[in-house]
PDB file of N, CA and C in Angstrom:
ATOM      1  N   UNK A   1      20.350  38.229 -31.629  1.00  0.00           N
ATOM      2  CA  UNK A   1      18.907  38.023 -31.734  1.00  0.00           C
ATOM      3  C   UNK A   1      18.352  37.675 -30.347  1.00  0.00           C
ATOM      4  N   UNK A   2      17.170  38.108 -30.067  1.00  0.00           N
ATOM      5  CA  UNK A   2      16.535  37.873 -28.770  1.00  0.00           C
ATOM      6  C   UNK A   2      16.248  36.394 -28.564  1.00  0.00           C
ATOM      7  N   UNK A   3      16.418  35.965 -27.337  1.00  0.00           N
ATOM      8  CA  UNK A   3      16.105  34.586 -26.975  1.00  0.00           C
ATOM      9  C   UNK A   3      15.050  34.603 -25.877  1.00  0.00           C
ATOM     10  N   UNK A   4      14.071  33.749 -26.020  1.00  0.00           N
ATOM     11  CA  UNK A   4      12.969  33.652 -25.065  1.00  0.00           C
ATOM     12  C   UNK A   4      12.877  32.241 -24.532  1.00  0.00           C
ATOM     13  N   UNK A   5      12.257  32.104 -23.366  1.00  0.00           N
ATOM     14  CA  UNK A   5      11.876  30.797 -22.838  1.00  0.00           C
ATOM     15  C   UNK A   5      10.365  30.791 -22.698  1.00  0.00           C
ATOM     16  N   UNK A   6       9.757  29.768 -23.265  1.00  0.00           N
ATOM     17  CA  UNK A   6       8.319  29.569 -23.100  1.00  0.00           C
ATOM     18  C   UNK A   6       8.122  28.220 -22.435  1.00  0.00           C
ATOM     19  N   UNK A   7       7.004  28.060 -21.752  1.00  0.00           N
ATOM     20  CA  UNK A   7       6.768  26.780 -21.100  1.00  0.00           C
ATOM     21  C   UNK A   7       5.289  26.454 -21.067  1.00  0.00           C
ATOM     22  N   UNK A   8       5.047  25.199 -20.852  1.00  0.00           N
ATOM     23  CA  UNK A   8       3.692  24.682 -20.697  1.00  0.00           C
ATOM     24  C   UNK A   8       3.749  23.642 -19.592  1.00  0.00           C
ATOM     25  N   UNK A   9       2.717  23.558 -18.772  1.00  0.00           N
ATOM     26  CA  UNK A   9       2.672  22.595 -17.676  1.00  0.00           C
ATOM     27  C   UNK A   9       1.448  21.712 -17.790  1.00  0.00           C
ATOM     28  N   UNK A  10       1.559  20.541 -17.185  1.00  0.00           N
ATOM     29  CA  UNK A  10       0.403  19.664 -17.040  1.00  0.00           C
ATOM     30  C   UNK A  10       0.558  18.844 -15.772  1.00  0.00           C
ATOM     31  N   UNK A  11      -0.546  18.315 -15.306  1.00  0.00           N
ATOM     32  CA  UNK A  11      -0.572  17.484 -14.110  1.00  0.00           C
ATOM     33  C   UNK A  11      -0.997  16.077 -14.480  1.00  0.00           C
ATOM     34  N   UNK A  12      -0.543  15.121 -13.683  1.00  0.00           N
ATOM     35  CA  UNK A  12      -1.062  13.768 -13.807  1.00  0.00           C
ATOM     36  C   UNK A  12      -0.946  13.062 -12.462  1.00  0.00           C
ATOM     37  N   UNK A  13      -1.767  12.051 -12.294  1.00  0.00           N
ATOM     38  CA  UNK A  13      -1.763  11.206 -11.105  1.00  0.00           C
ATOM     39  C   UNK A  13      -1.250   9.840 -11.531  1.00  0.00           C
ATOM     40  N   UNK A  14      -0.372   9.260 -10.717  1.00  0.00           N
ATOM     41  CA  UNK A  14       0.151   7.939 -11.071  1.00  0.00           C
ATOM     42  C   UNK A  14       0.648   7.232  -9.815  1.00  0.00           C
ATOM     43  N   UNK A  15       0.785   5.924  -9.952  1.00  0.00           N
ATOM     44  CA  UNK A  15       1.293   5.093  -8.856  1.00  0.00           C
ATOM     45  C   UNK A  15       2.611   4.465  -9.263  1.00  0.00           C
ATOM     46  N   UNK A  16       3.396   4.106  -8.253  1.00  0.00           N
ATOM     47  CA  UNK A  16       4.634   3.379  -8.503  1.00  0.00           C
ATOM     48  C   UNK A  16       5.055   2.691  -7.208  1.00  0.00           C
ATOM     49  N   UNK A  17       6.069   1.863  -7.320  1.00  0.00           N
ATOM     50  CA  UNK A  17       6.714   1.229  -6.177  1.00  0.00           C
ATOM     51  C   UNK A  17       8.208   1.262  -6.446  1.00  0.00           C
ATOM     52  N   UNK A  18       8.970   1.620  -5.444  1.00  0.00           N
ATOM     53  CA  UNK A  18      10.419   1.731  -5.598  1.00  0.00           C
ATOM     54  C   UNK A  18      11.089   0.757  -4.636  1.00  0.00           C
ATOM     55  N   UNK A  19      11.533  -0.346  -5.171  1.00  0.00           N
ATOM     56  CA  UNK A  19      12.170  -1.394  -4.388  1.00  0.00           C
ATOM     57  C   UNK A  19      13.662  -1.102  -4.246  1.00  0.00           C
ATOM     58  N   UNK A  20      14.159  -1.168  -3.016  1.00  0.00           N
ATOM     59  CA  UNK A  20      15.578  -0.937  -2.737  1.00  0.00           C
ATOM     60  C   UNK A  20      16.238  -2.274  -2.426  1.00  0.00           C
ATOM     61  N   UNK A  21      17.008  -2.832  -3.357  1.00  0.00           N
ATOM     62  CA  UNK A  21      17.606  -4.159  -3.140  1.00  0.00           C
ATOM     63  C   UNK A  21      18.644  -4.172  -2.009  1.00  0.00           C
ATOM     64  N   UNK A  22      19.143  -3.017  -1.619  1.00  0.00           N
ATOM     65  CA  UNK A  22      20.133  -2.960  -0.542  1.00  0.00           C
ATOM     66  C   UNK A  22      19.500  -2.925   0.848  1.00  0.00           C
ATOM     67  N   UNK A  23      18.203  -2.749   0.909  1.00  0.00           N
ATOM     68  CA  UNK A  23      17.504  -2.703   2.194  1.00  0.00           C
ATOM     69  C   UNK A  23      16.910  -4.081   2.486  1.00  0.00           C
ATOM     70  N   UNK A  24      17.011  -4.579   3.712  1.00  0.00           N
ATOM     71  CA  UNK A  24      16.538  -5.939   4.019  1.00  0.00           C
ATOM     72  C   UNK A  24      15.051  -6.166   3.732  1.00  0.00           C
ATOM     73  N   UNK A  25      14.227  -5.121   3.864  1.00  0.00           N
ATOM     74  CA  UNK A  25      12.795  -5.291   3.604  1.00  0.00           C
ATOM     75  C   UNK A  25      12.364  -4.696   2.268  1.00  0.00           C
ATOM     76  N   UNK A  26      13.299  -4.196   1.493  1.00  0.00           N
ATOM     77  CA  UNK A  26      12.961  -3.563   0.218  1.00  0.00           C
ATOM     78  C   UNK A  26      12.831  -2.060   0.314  1.00  0.00           C
ATOM     79  N   UNK A  27      12.921  -1.503   1.510  1.00  0.00           N
ATOM     80  CA  UNK A  27      12.906  -0.061   1.684  1.00  0.00           C
ATOM     81  C   UNK A  27      11.534   0.517   1.956  1.00  0.00           C
ATOM     82  N   UNK A  28      11.544   1.752   2.346  1.00  0.00           N
ATOM     83  CA  UNK A  28      10.337   2.486   2.752  1.00  0.00           C
ATOM     84  C   UNK A  28       9.319   2.619   1.616  1.00  0.00           C
ATOM     85  N   UNK A  29       9.779   2.692   0.385  1.00  0.00           N
ATOM     86  CA  UNK A  29       8.886   2.977  -0.749  1.00  0.00           C
ATOM     87  C   UNK A  29       8.555   1.748  -1.585  1.00  0.00           C
ATOM     88  N   UNK A  30       8.776   0.565  -1.035  1.00  0.00           N
ATOM     89  CA  UNK A  30       8.578  -0.683  -1.780  1.00  0.00           C
ATOM     90  C   UNK A  30       7.107  -0.970  -2.076  1.00  0.00           C
ATOM     91  N   UNK A  31       6.217  -0.481  -1.226  1.00  0.00           N
ATOM     92  CA  UNK A  31       4.787  -0.743  -1.428  1.00  0.00           C
ATOM     93  C   UNK A  31       4.211   0.202  -2.477  1.00  0.00           C
ATOM     94  N   UNK A  32       3.176  -0.264  -3.133  1.00  0.00           N
ATOM     95  CA  UNK A  32       2.474   0.549  -4.116  1.00  0.00           C
ATOM     96  C   UNK A  32       1.965   1.830  -3.452  1.00  0.00           C
ATOM     97  N   UNK A  33       2.262   2.973  -4.072  1.00  0.00           N
ATOM     98  CA  UNK A  33       1.778   4.252  -3.582  1.00  0.00           C
ATOM     99  C   UNK A  33       1.697   5.218  -4.765  1.00  0.00           C
ATOM    100  N   UNK A  34       0.982   6.304  -4.566  1.00  0.00           N
ATOM    101  CA  UNK A  34       0.769   7.229  -5.667  1.00  0.00           C
ATOM    102  C   UNK A  34       1.143   8.655  -5.330  1.00  0.00           C
ATOM    103  N   UNK A  35       1.237   9.459  -6.387  1.00  0.00           N
ATOM    104  CA  UNK A  35       1.588  10.874  -6.263  1.00  0.00           C
ATOM    105  C   UNK A  35       0.795  11.681  -7.288  1.00  0.00           C
ATOM    106  N   UNK A  36       0.686  12.961  -6.988  1.00  0.00           N
ATOM    107  CA  UNK A  36       0.254  13.951  -7.974  1.00  0.00           C
ATOM    108  C   UNK A  36       1.535  14.573  -8.528  1.00  0.00           C
ATOM    109  N   UNK A  37       1.687  14.523  -9.834  1.00  0.00           N
ATOM    110  CA  UNK A  37       2.874  15.047 -10.495  1.00  0.00           C
ATOM    111  C   UNK A  37       2.520  16.298 -11.281  1.00  0.00           C
ATOM    112  N   UNK A  38       3.441  17.241 -11.312  1.00  0.00           N
ATOM    113  CA  UNK A  38       3.333  18.420 -12.173  1.00  0.00           C
ATOM    114  C   UNK A  38       4.552  18.404 -13.082  1.00  0.00           C
ATOM    115  N   UNK A  39       4.309  18.605 -14.372  1.00  0.00           N
ATOM    116  CA  UNK A  39       5.387  18.600 -15.362  1.00  0.00           C
ATOM    117  C   UNK A  39       5.441  19.971 -16.019  1.00  0.00           C
ATOM    118  N   UNK A  40       6.652  20.513 -16.118  1.00  0.00           N
ATOM    119  CA  UNK A  40       6.866  21.764 -16.843  1.00  0.00           C
ATOM    120  C   UNK A  40       7.841  21.485 -17.982  1.00  0.00           C
ATOM    121  N   UNK A  41       7.429  21.835 -19.199  1.00  0.00           N
ATOM    122  CA  UNK A  41       8.265  21.674 -20.385  1.00  0.00           C
ATOM    123  C   UNK A  41       8.630  23.074 -20.872  1.00  0.00           C
ATOM    124  N   UNK A  42       9.937  23.328 -20.975  1.00  0.00           N
ATOM    125  CA  UNK A  42      10.431  24.650 -21.356  1.00  0.00           C
ATOM    126  C   UNK A  42      11.178  24.568 -22.683  1.00  0.00           C
ATOM    127  N   UNK A  43      10.877  25.516 -23.560  1.00  0.00           N
ATOM    128  CA  UNK A  43      11.571  25.644 -24.836  1.00  0.00           C
ATOM    129  C   UNK A  43      12.264  26.987 -24.860  1.00  0.00           C
ATOM    130  N   UNK A  44      13.439  27.028 -25.475  1.00  0.00           N
ATOM    131  CA  UNK A  44      14.218  28.260 -25.570  1.00  0.00           C
ATOM    132  C   UNK A  44      14.526  28.527 -27.032  1.00  0.00           C
ATOM    133  N   UNK A  45      14.405  29.787 -27.422  1.00  0.00           N
ATOM    134  CA  UNK A  45      14.776  30.146 -28.775  1.00  0.00           C
ATOM    135  C   UNK A  45      14.320  31.532 -29.140  1.00  0.00           C
ATOM    136  N   UNK A  46      14.577  31.861 -30.361  1.00  0.00           N
ATOM    137  CA  UNK A  46      14.145  33.144 -30.908  1.00  0.00           C
ATOM    138  C   UNK A  46      12.841  32.939 -31.662  1.00  0.00           C
ATOM    139  N   UNK A  47      11.936  33.890 -31.586  1.00  0.00           N
ATOM    140  CA  UNK A  47      10.713  33.777 -32.380  1.00  0.00           C
ATOM    141  C   UNK A  47      11.032  33.712 -33.866  1.00  0.00           C
ATOM    142  N   UNK A  48      10.302  32.891 -34.586  1.00  0.00           N
ATOM    143  CA  UNK A  48      10.519  32.811 -36.031  1.00  0.00           C
ATOM    144  C   UNK A  48       9.995  34.084 -36.684  1.00  0.00           C
ATOM    145  N   UNK A  49      10.611  34.507 -37.780  1.00  0.00           N
ATOM    146  CA  UNK A  49      10.153  35.727 -38.461  1.00  0.00           C
ATOM    147  C   UNK A  49       8.739  35.600 -39.020  1.00  0.00           C
ATOM    148  N   UNK A  50       8.332  34.364 -39.370  1.00  0.00           N
ATOM    149  CA  UNK A  50       7.018  34.167 -39.983  1.00  0.00           C
ATOM    150  C   UNK A  50       5.876  34.355 -38.999  1.00  0.00           C
ATOM    151  N   UNK A  51       5.930  33.676 -37.860  1.00  0.00           N
ATOM    152  CA  UNK A  51       4.797  33.721 -36.940  1.00  0.00           C
ATOM    153  C   UNK A  51       5.110  34.407 -35.611  1.00  0.00           C
ATOM    154  N   UNK A  52       6.360  34.813 -35.423  1.00  0.00           N
ATOM    155  CA  UNK A  52       6.788  35.608 -34.280  1.00  0.00           C
ATOM    156  C   UNK A  52       6.602  34.918 -32.931  1.00  0.00           C
ATOM    157  N   UNK A  53       6.770  33.590 -32.920  1.00  0.00           N
ATOM    158  CA  UNK A  53       6.779  32.865 -31.655  1.00  0.00           C
ATOM    159  C   UNK A  53       7.820  31.767 -31.688  1.00  0.00           C
ATOM    160  N   UNK A  54       8.245  31.339 -30.506  1.00  0.00           N
ATOM    161  CA  UNK A  54       9.221  30.260 -30.411  1.00  0.00           C
ATOM    162  C   UNK A  54       8.581  28.965 -30.870  1.00  0.00           C
ATOM    163  N   UNK A  55       7.357  28.707 -30.408  1.00  0.00           N
ATOM    164  CA  UNK A  55       6.551  27.563 -30.847  1.00  0.00           C
ATOM    165  C   UNK A  55       5.103  27.865 -30.514  1.00  0.00           C
ATOM    166  N   UNK A  56       4.215  27.373 -31.304  1.00  0.00           N
ATOM    167  CA  UNK A  56       2.787  27.499 -31.053  1.00  0.00           C
ATOM    168  C   UNK A  56       2.469  26.718 -29.773  1.00  0.00           C
ATOM    169  N   UNK A  57       2.097  27.414 -28.704  1.00  0.00           N
ATOM    170  CA  UNK A  57       1.802  26.746 -27.433  1.00  0.00           C
ATOM    171  C   UNK A  57       0.574  25.845 -27.529  1.00  0.00           C
ATOM    172  N   UNK A  58      -0.315  26.131 -28.452  1.00  0.00           N
ATOM    173  CA  UNK A  58      -1.461  25.239 -28.666  1.00  0.00           C
ATOM    174  C   UNK A  58      -1.011  23.898 -29.218  1.00  0.00           C
ATOM    175  N   UNK A  59      -0.089  23.930 -30.160  1.00  0.00           N
ATOM    176  CA  UNK A  59       0.465  22.694 -30.727  1.00  0.00           C
ATOM    177  C   UNK A  59       1.207  21.903 -29.650  1.00  0.00           C
ATOM    178  N   UNK A  60       2.003  22.603 -28.850  1.00  0.00           N
ATOM    179  CA  UNK A  60       2.697  21.934 -27.749  1.00  0.00           C
ATOM    180  C   UNK A  60       1.699  21.347 -26.762  1.00  0.00           C
ATOM    181  N   UNK A  61       0.644  22.087 -26.462  1.00  0.00           N
ATOM    182  CA  UNK A  61      -0.382  21.603 -25.537  1.00  0.00           C
ATOM    183  C   UNK A  61      -1.055  20.331 -26.018  1.00  0.00           C
ATOM    184  N   UNK A  62      -1.306  20.237 -27.320  1.00  0.00           N
ATOM    185  CA  UNK A  62      -1.926  19.021 -27.862  1.00  0.00           C
ATOM    186  C   UNK A  62      -0.994  17.824 -27.710  1.00  0.00           C
ATOM    187  N   UNK A  63       0.298  18.044 -27.935  1.00  0.00           N
ATOM    188  CA  UNK A  63       1.272  16.955 -27.773  1.00  0.00           C
ATOM    189  C   UNK A  63       1.380  16.547 -26.303  1.00  0.00           C
ATOM    190  N   UNK A  64       1.368  17.521 -25.409  1.00  0.00           N
ATOM    191  CA  UNK A  64       1.439  17.204 -23.982  1.00  0.00           C
ATOM    192  C   UNK A  64       0.180  16.493 -23.504  1.00  0.00           C
ATOM    193  N   UNK A  65      -0.963  16.790 -24.115  1.00  0.00           N
ATOM    194  CA  UNK A  65      -2.203  16.080 -23.756  1.00  0.00           C
ATOM    195  C   UNK A  65      -2.079  14.595 -24.091  1.00  0.00           C
ATOM    196  N   UNK A  66      -1.437  14.276 -25.214  1.00  0.00           N
ATOM    197  CA  UNK A  66      -1.210  12.873 -25.578  1.00  0.00           C
ATOM    198  C   UNK A  66      -0.297  12.194 -24.553  1.00  0.00           C
ATOM    199  N   UNK A  67       0.745  12.886 -24.155  1.00  0.00           N
ATOM    200  CA  UNK A  67       1.670  12.361 -23.160  1.00  0.00           C
ATOM    201  C   UNK A  67       0.973  12.193 -21.819  1.00  0.00           C
ATOM    202  N   UNK A  68       0.190  13.173 -21.427  1.00  0.00           N
ATOM    203  CA  UNK A  68      -0.559  13.094 -20.168  1.00  0.00           C
ATOM    204  C   UNK A  68      -1.496  11.890 -20.172  1.00  0.00           C
ATOM    205  N   UNK A  69      -2.151  11.645 -21.287  1.00  0.00           N
ATOM    206  CA  UNK A  69      -3.066  10.502 -21.404  1.00  0.00           C
ATOM    207  C   UNK A  69      -2.335   9.191 -21.117  1.00  0.00           C
ATOM    208  N   UNK A  70      -1.098   9.079 -21.572  1.00  0.00           N
ATOM    209  CA  UNK A  70      -0.289   7.877 -21.356  1.00  0.00           C
ATOM    210  C   UNK A  70       0.114   7.733 -19.881  1.00  0.00           C
ATOM    211  N   UNK A  71       0.391   8.865 -19.227  1.00  0.00           N
ATOM    212  CA  UNK A  71       0.902   8.838 -17.861  1.00  0.00           C
ATOM    213  C   UNK A  71      -0.189   8.826 -16.788  1.00  0.00           C
ATOM    214  N   UNK A  72      -1.296   9.510 -17.043  1.00  0.00           N
ATOM    215  CA  UNK A  72      -2.307   9.719 -16.010  1.00  0.00           C
ATOM    216  C   UNK A  72      -2.969   8.419 -15.579  1.00  0.00           C
ATOM    217  N   UNK A  73      -3.041   8.232 -14.274  1.00  0.00           N
ATOM    218  CA  UNK A  73      -3.633   7.051 -13.646  1.00  0.00           C
ATOM    219  C   UNK A  73      -3.001   5.753 -14.144  1.00  0.00           C
ATOM    220  N   UNK A  74      -1.695   5.809 -14.341  1.00  0.00           N
ATOM    221  CA  UNK A  74      -0.966   4.618 -14.760  1.00  0.00           C
ATOM    222  C   UNK A  74      -0.155   4.071 -13.583  1.00  0.00           C
ATOM    223  N   UNK A  75       0.323   2.845 -13.754  1.00  0.00           N
ATOM    224  CA  UNK A  75       1.296   2.254 -12.834  1.00  0.00           C
ATOM    225  C   UNK A  75       2.638   2.440 -13.518  1.00  0.00           C
ATOM    226  N   UNK A  76       3.419   3.393 -13.054  1.00  0.00           N
ATOM    227  CA  UNK A  76       4.635   3.799 -13.752  1.00  0.00           C
ATOM    228  C   UNK A  76       5.636   2.662 -13.915  1.00  0.00           C
ATOM    229  N   UNK A  77       5.642   1.698 -13.014  1.00  0.00           N
ATOM    230  CA  UNK A  77       6.559   0.560 -13.139  1.00  0.00           C
ATOM    231  C   UNK A  77       6.325  -0.217 -14.426  1.00  0.00           C
ATOM    232  N   UNK A  78       5.118  -0.153 -14.969  1.00  0.00           N
ATOM    233  CA  UNK A  78       4.781  -0.888 -16.186  1.00  0.00           C
ATOM    234  C   UNK A  78       4.972  -0.075 -17.461  1.00  0.00           C
ATOM    235  N   UNK A  79       5.378   1.164 -17.354  1.00  0.00           N
ATOM    236  CA  UNK A  79       5.512   2.030 -18.528  1.00  0.00           C
ATOM    237  C   UNK A  79       6.770   1.657 -19.302  1.00  0.00           C
ATOM    238  N   UNK A  80       6.581   1.181 -20.523  1.00  0.00           N
ATOM    239  CA  UNK A  80       7.703   0.737 -21.352  1.00  0.00           C
ATOM    240  C   UNK A  80       8.662   1.886 -21.633  1.00  0.00           C
ATOM    241  N   UNK A  81       9.938   1.636 -21.400  1.00  0.00           N
ATOM    242  CA  UNK A  81      10.970   2.616 -21.693  1.00  0.00           C
ATOM    243  C   UNK A  81      11.300   3.542 -20.529  1.00  0.00           C
ATOM    244  N   UNK A  82      10.570   3.436 -19.425  1.00  0.00           N
ATOM    245  CA  UNK A  82      10.824   4.333 -18.289  1.00  0.00           C
ATOM    246  C   UNK A  82      11.930   3.813 -17.379  1.00  0.00           C
ATOM    247  N   UNK A  83      11.970   2.528 -17.131  1.00  0.00           N
ATOM    248  CA  UNK A  83      12.901   1.995 -16.147  1.00  0.00           C
ATOM    249  C   UNK A  83      12.346   2.198 -14.757  1.00  0.00           C
ATOM    250  N   UNK A  84      13.225   2.270 -13.761  1.00  0.00           N
ATOM    251  CA  UNK A  84      12.791   2.498 -12.389  1.00  0.00           C
ATOM    252  C   UNK A  84      12.093   3.860 -12.326  1.00  0.00           C
ATOM    253  N   UNK A  85      10.872   3.926 -11.800  1.00  0.00           N
ATOM    254  CA  UNK A  85      10.071   5.146 -11.898  1.00  0.00           C
ATOM    255  C   UNK A  85      10.460   6.232 -10.894  1.00  0.00           C
ATOM    256  N   UNK A  86      11.671   6.755 -11.039  1.00  0.00           N
ATOM    257  CA  UNK A  86      12.154   7.856 -10.217  1.00  0.00           C
ATOM    258  C   UNK A  86      11.841   9.185 -10.897  1.00  0.00           C
ATOM    259  N   UNK A  87      11.969  10.271 -10.167  1.00  0.00           N
ATOM    260  CA  UNK A  87      11.798  11.598 -10.769  1.00  0.00           C
ATOM    261  C   UNK A  87      12.792  11.810 -11.902  1.00  0.00           C
ATOM    262  N   UNK A  88      14.027  11.336 -11.706  1.00  0.00           N
ATOM    263  CA  UNK A  88      15.050  11.488 -12.729  1.00  0.00           C
ATOM    264  C   UNK A  88      14.659  10.770 -14.017  1.00  0.00           C
ATOM    265  N   UNK A  89      14.214   9.516 -13.885  1.00  0.00           N
ATOM    266  CA  UNK A  89      13.845   8.752 -15.076  1.00  0.00           C
ATOM    267  C   UNK A  89      12.579   9.288 -15.734  1.00  0.00           C
ATOM    268  N   UNK A  90      11.636   9.797 -14.942  1.00  0.00           N
ATOM    269  CA  UNK A  90      10.450  10.430 -15.533  1.00  0.00           C
ATOM    270  C   UNK A  90      10.832  11.655 -16.356  1.00  0.00           C
ATOM    271  N   UNK A  91      11.731  12.475 -15.824  1.00  0.00           N
ATOM    272  CA  UNK A  91      12.182  13.663 -16.562  1.00  0.00           C
ATOM    273  C   UNK A  91      12.835  13.266 -17.882  1.00  0.00           C
ATOM    274  N   UNK A  92      13.695  12.268 -17.834  1.00  0.00           N
ATOM    275  CA  UNK A  92      14.382  11.798 -19.034  1.00  0.00           C
ATOM    276  C   UNK A  92      13.399  11.170 -20.029  1.00  0.00           C
ATOM    277  N   UNK A  93      12.447  10.384 -19.542  1.00  0.00           N
ATOM    278  CA  UNK A  93      11.435   9.746 -20.386  1.00  0.00           C
ATOM    279  C   UNK A  93      10.643  10.808 -21.156  1.00  0.00           C
ATOM    280  N   UNK A  94      10.212  11.851 -20.457  1.00  0.00           N
ATOM    281  CA  UNK A  94       9.435  12.911 -21.096  1.00  0.00           C
ATOM    282  C   UNK A  94      10.305  13.672 -22.094  1.00  0.00           C
ATOM    283  N   UNK A  95      11.556  13.943 -21.725  1.00  0.00           N
ATOM    284  CA  UNK A  95      12.492  14.622 -22.645  1.00  0.00           C
ATOM    285  C   UNK A  95      12.621  13.838 -23.944  1.00  0.00           C
ATOM    286  N   UNK A  96      12.889  12.552 -23.819  1.00  0.00           N
ATOM    287  CA  UNK A  96      13.089  11.725 -25.020  1.00  0.00           C
ATOM    288  C   UNK A  96      11.841  11.658 -25.877  1.00  0.00           C
ATOM    289  N   UNK A  97      10.679  11.676 -25.238  1.00  0.00           N
ATOM    290  CA  UNK A  97       9.426  11.648 -25.984  1.00  0.00           C
ATOM    291  C   UNK A  97       9.222  12.946 -26.768  1.00  0.00           C
ATOM    292  N   UNK A  98       9.580  14.069 -26.181  1.00  0.00           N
ATOM    293  CA  UNK A  98       9.304  15.372 -26.784  1.00  0.00           C
ATOM    294  C   UNK A  98      10.413  15.901 -27.695  1.00  0.00           C
ATOM    295  N   UNK A  99      11.637  15.450 -27.501  1.00  0.00           N
ATOM    296  CA  UNK A  99      12.778  16.031 -28.206  1.00  0.00           C
ATOM    297  C   UNK A  99      12.606  16.071 -29.728  1.00  0.00           C
ATOM    298  N   UNK A 100      12.130  14.996 -30.374  1.00  0.00           N
ATOM    299  CA  UNK A 100      11.981  15.083 -31.837  1.00  0.00           C
ATOM    300  C   UNK A 100      10.907  16.074 -32.277  1.00  0.00           C
ATOM    301  N   UNK A 101       9.979  16.364 -31.409  1.00  0.00           N
ATOM    302  CA  UNK A 101       8.833  17.208 -31.735  1.00  0.00           C
ATOM    303  C   UNK A 101       9.071  18.685 -31.395  1.00  0.00           C
ATOM    304  N   UNK A 102       9.691  18.933 -30.259  1.00  0.00           N
ATOM    305  CA  UNK A 102       9.779  20.282 -29.714  1.00  0.00           C
ATOM    306  C   UNK A 102      11.177  20.863 -29.930  1.00  0.00           C
ATOM    307  N   UNK A 103      11.364  21.542 -31.052  1.00  0.00           N
ATOM    308  CA  UNK A 103      12.647  22.192 -31.321  1.00  0.00           C
ATOM    309  C   UNK A 103      12.884  23.252 -30.252  1.00  0.00           C
ATOM    310  N   UNK A 104      14.087  23.319 -29.761  1.00  0.00           N
ATOM    311  CA  UNK A 104      14.409  24.274 -28.714  1.00  0.00           C
ATOM    312  C   UNK A 104      14.096  23.788 -27.311  1.00  0.00           C
ATOM    313  N   UNK A 105      13.787  22.495 -27.189  1.00  0.00           N
ATOM    314  CA  UNK A 105      13.517  21.945 -25.859  1.00  0.00           C
ATOM    315  C   UNK A 105      14.729  22.201 -24.972  1.00  0.00           C
ATOM    316  N   UNK A 106      14.525  22.881 -23.848  1.00  0.00           N
ATOM    317  CA  UNK A 106      15.667  23.222 -22.997  1.00  0.00           C
ATOM    318  C   UNK A 106      15.608  22.566 -21.627  1.00  0.00           C
ATOM    319  N   UNK A 107      14.400  22.256 -21.138  1.00  0.00           N
ATOM    320  CA  UNK A 107      14.340  21.526 -19.874  1.00  0.00           C
ATOM    321  C   UNK A 107      12.978  20.915 -19.659  1.00  0.00           C
ATOM    322  N   UNK A 108      13.004  19.828 -18.895  1.00  0.00           N
ATOM    323  CA  UNK A 108      11.787  19.154 -18.452  1.00  0.00           C
ATOM    324  C   UNK A 108      11.886  19.039 -16.940  1.00  0.00           C
ATOM    325  N   UNK A 109      10.910  19.568 -16.258  1.00  0.00           N
ATOM    326  CA  UNK A 109      10.849  19.457 -14.807  1.00  0.00           C
ATOM    327  C   UNK A 109       9.676  18.593 -14.397  1.00  0.00           C
ATOM    328  N   UNK A 110       9.910  17.685 -13.464  1.00  0.00           N
ATOM    329  CA  UNK A 110       8.853  16.853 -12.904  1.00  0.00           C
ATOM    330  C   UNK A 110       8.842  17.114 -11.402  1.00  0.00           C
ATOM    331  N   UNK A 111       7.683  17.489 -10.884  1.00  0.00           N
ATOM    332  CA  UNK A 111       7.578  17.918  -9.494  1.00  0.00           C
ATOM    333  C   UNK A 111       6.481  17.154  -8.761  1.00  0.00           C
ATOM    334  N   UNK A 112       6.752  16.838  -7.513  1.00  0.00           N
ATOM    335  CA  UNK A 112       5.739  16.327  -6.581  1.00  0.00           C
ATOM    336  C   UNK A 112       5.567  17.423  -5.544  1.00  0.00           C
ATOM    337  N   UNK A 113       4.684  18.360  -5.865  1.00  0.00           N
ATOM    338  CA  UNK A 113       4.534  19.554  -5.037  1.00  0.00           C
ATOM    339  C   UNK A 113       4.142  19.227  -3.603  1.00  0.00           C
ATOM    340  N   UNK A 114       3.312  18.227  -3.383  1.00  0.00           N
ATOM    341  CA  UNK A 114       2.880  17.899  -2.019  1.00  0.00           C
ATOM    342  C   UNK A 114       4.037  17.370  -1.171  1.00  0.00           C
ATOM    343  N   UNK A 115       5.074  16.882  -1.818  1.00  0.00           N
ATOM    344  CA  UNK A 115       6.262  16.376  -1.113  1.00  0.00           C
ATOM    345  C   UNK A 115       7.395  17.398  -1.109  1.00  0.00           C
ATOM    346  N   UNK A 116       7.195  18.530  -1.795  1.00  0.00           N
ATOM    347  CA  UNK A 116       8.223  19.562  -1.931  1.00  0.00           C
ATOM    348  C   UNK A 116       9.475  19.001  -2.604  1.00  0.00           C
ATOM    349  N   UNK A 117       9.246  18.190  -3.679  1.00  0.00           N
ATOM    350  CA  UNK A 117      10.336  17.527  -4.393  1.00  0.00           C
ATOM    351  C   UNK A 117      10.192  17.752  -5.887  1.00  0.00           C
ATOM    352  N   UNK A 118      11.301  17.611  -6.570  1.00  0.00           N
ATOM    353  CA  UNK A 118      11.246  17.702  -8.012  1.00  0.00           C
ATOM    354  C   UNK A 118      12.595  17.396  -8.633  1.00  0.00           C
ATOM    355  N   UNK A 119      12.580  17.335  -9.955  1.00  0.00           N
ATOM    356  CA  UNK A 119      13.801  17.085 -10.722  1.00  0.00           C
ATOM    357  C   UNK A 119      13.679  17.850 -12.038  1.00  0.00           C
ATOM    358  N   UNK A 120      14.764  18.502 -12.438  1.00  0.00           N
ATOM    359  CA  UNK A 120      14.802  19.201 -13.717  1.00  0.00           C
ATOM    360  C   UNK A 120      15.913  18.575 -14.556  1.00  0.00           C
ATOM    361  N   UNK A 121      15.557  18.201 -15.792  1.00  0.00           N
ATOM    362  CA  UNK A 121      16.531  17.638 -16.731  1.00  0.00           C
ATOM    363  C   UNK A 121      16.734  18.637 -17.854  1.00  0.00           C
ATOM    364  N   UNK A 122      18.001  18.900 -18.193  1.00  0.00           N
ATOM    365  CA  UNK A 122      18.336  19.896 -19.219  1.00  0.00           C
ATOM    366  C   UNK A 122      19.070  19.304 -20.410  1.00  0.00           C
ATOM    367  N   UNK A 123      18.937  18.033 -20.637  1.00  0.00           N
ATOM    368  CA  UNK A 123      19.547  17.427 -21.816  1.00  0.00           C
ATOM    369  C   UNK A 123      20.945  16.920 -21.557  1.00  0.00           C
ATOM    370  N   UNK A 124      21.443  16.192 -22.561  1.00  0.00           N
ATOM    371  CA  UNK A 124      22.757  15.568 -22.445  1.00  0.00           C
ATOM    372  C   UNK A 124      23.874  16.571 -22.579  1.00  0.00           C
TER     373      UNK A 124
END
């Protein structure tokens, strides 16, 4: 059976501080600073025989809008369940939030395009 990958993206702005306990001053990123983030959520699977799609992208978009509302203009250090606000932990946080909802979830990418950085998480 054919397998497809579909994706949806969203942007958010957020601040964080990354304290490095091994550095005498706390490290370069210890001060409050912000980024523009881009998130890509990818689902993989075969279209269902009933509606002929992997998932309704409108339904996924509504769920991502709820997630974006939680993340946008937030202080990521205060986000419950995130831990240290690294790209890795953001990817995992978003994965865990979406996994029960998005059957066929195959990867979550979090990117800071202005820094030419990103992280992709593909599950356990």
